[in-house]
Amino acid sequence: MMALSKDLLDILACPKCKGDIHLNQNGDGLVCDACRLMYPIKDDIPVMLIDEAIPL
């Protein structure tokens, strides 16, 4: 599991729709259910770029 703090997760938002995101089950990405995108986490750093998002 990765080490993002709850406080950080509370302030992060989807860069595309500005909606809520949550940690996926594997702990290797942040998911926006509204956009159906997953933003990967690389070296414990969320990559919050729309171009890097993985469609679900």
Foldseek 3Di string as FASTA:
>chain_A
DADDDPVVQVPDAQPPPRHHWDADPVRQWIADPVQQWTFGQDPSRTDRDPVRIDHD
